[in-house]
Amino acid sequence: MAETRALQAVADHGCLQRAAVALGVSYKTVESQLMACRSKLDSISTTQAVATGLREGLIT
């Protein structure tokens, strides 16, 4: 799932720009995927989404 890959990349690289480079996609693509991910996880921020993803075992 693209949203999970984007969330994992942000967790690994610390920011959207580095995550986009690592994934080989644009910043806007990662931003869009994280917006969808935040919505699905009912998170108000990327940090909260990463924490929720870690807690629920969606990312490592």
Protein backbone atom coordinates (compact mmCIF):
# COMPACT_ATOMS: atom_id res chain seq x y z
CA MET A 1 0.00 0.00 0.00
CA ALA A 2 1.43 3.37 -1.02
CA GLU A 3 0.30 5.14 2.14
CA THR A 4 2.11 2.63 4.34
CA ARG A 5 5.30 2.94 2.28
CA ALA A 6 5.14 6.73 2.55
CA LEU A 7 4.55 6.55 6.30
CA GLN A 8 7.47 4.15 6.73
CA ALA A 9 9.73 6.38 4.63
CA VAL A 10 8.86 9.44 6.73
CA ALA A 11 9.53 7.45 9.90
CA ASP A 12 12.89 6.32 8.49
CA HIS A 13 14.03 9.61 6.97
CA GLY A 14 12.46 12.21 9.26
CA CYS A 15 10.85 14.50 6.71
CA LEU A 16 8.70 14.44 3.61
CA GLN A 17 11.42 15.70 1.27
CA ARG A 18 13.89 12.96 2.21
CA ALA A 19 11.11 10.37 2.11
CA ALA A 20 10.18 11.49 -1.40
CA VAL A 21 13.78 11.16 -2.59
CA ALA A 22 14.09 7.71 -1.00
CA LEU A 23 10.86 6.56 -2.65
CA GLY A 24 11.72 8.15 -5.99
CA VAL A 25 8.52 10.21 -6.11
CA SER A 26 7.65 13.88 -5.76
CA TYR A 27 7.15 15.71 -2.48
CA LYS A 28 3.50 16.27 -3.43
CA THR A 29 2.98 12.53 -3.92
CA VAL A 30 4.29 11.75 -0.44
CA GLU A 31 2.26 14.63 0.99
CA SER A 32 -0.90 13.29 -0.66
CA GLN A 33 -0.26 9.73 0.50
CA LEU A 34 0.34 10.93 4.06
CA MET A 35 -2.88 12.96 4.02
CA ALA A 36 -4.75 9.76 3.13
CA CYS A 37 -2.84 7.84 5.79
CA ARG A 38 -3.57 10.46 8.47
CA SER A 39 -7.23 10.31 7.57
CA LYS A 40 -7.37 6.51 7.81
CA LEU A 41 -5.51 6.54 11.13
CA ASP A 42 -7.60 9.45 12.45
CA SER A 43 -4.41 11.43 13.12
CA ILE A 44 -4.09 15.21 13.10
CA SER A 45 -0.37 15.24 12.26
CA THR A 46 2.26 13.17 10.52
CA THR A 47 3.99 12.64 13.86
CA GLN A 48 0.81 11.23 15.35
CA ALA A 49 0.30 9.03 12.28
CA VAL A 50 3.84 7.64 12.61
CA ALA A 51 3.29 6.96 16.32
CA THR A 52 -0.02 5.24 15.60
CA GLY A 53 1.53 3.23 12.77
CA LEU A 54 4.31 2.06 15.07
CA ARG A 55 1.93 1.23 17.91
CA GLU A 56 -0.41 -0.74 15.64
CA GLY A 57 2.41 -2.57 13.86
CA LEU A 58 1.77 -1.03 10.45
CA ILE A 59 5.36 0.18 10.21
CA THR A 60 8.60 -0.74 11.98
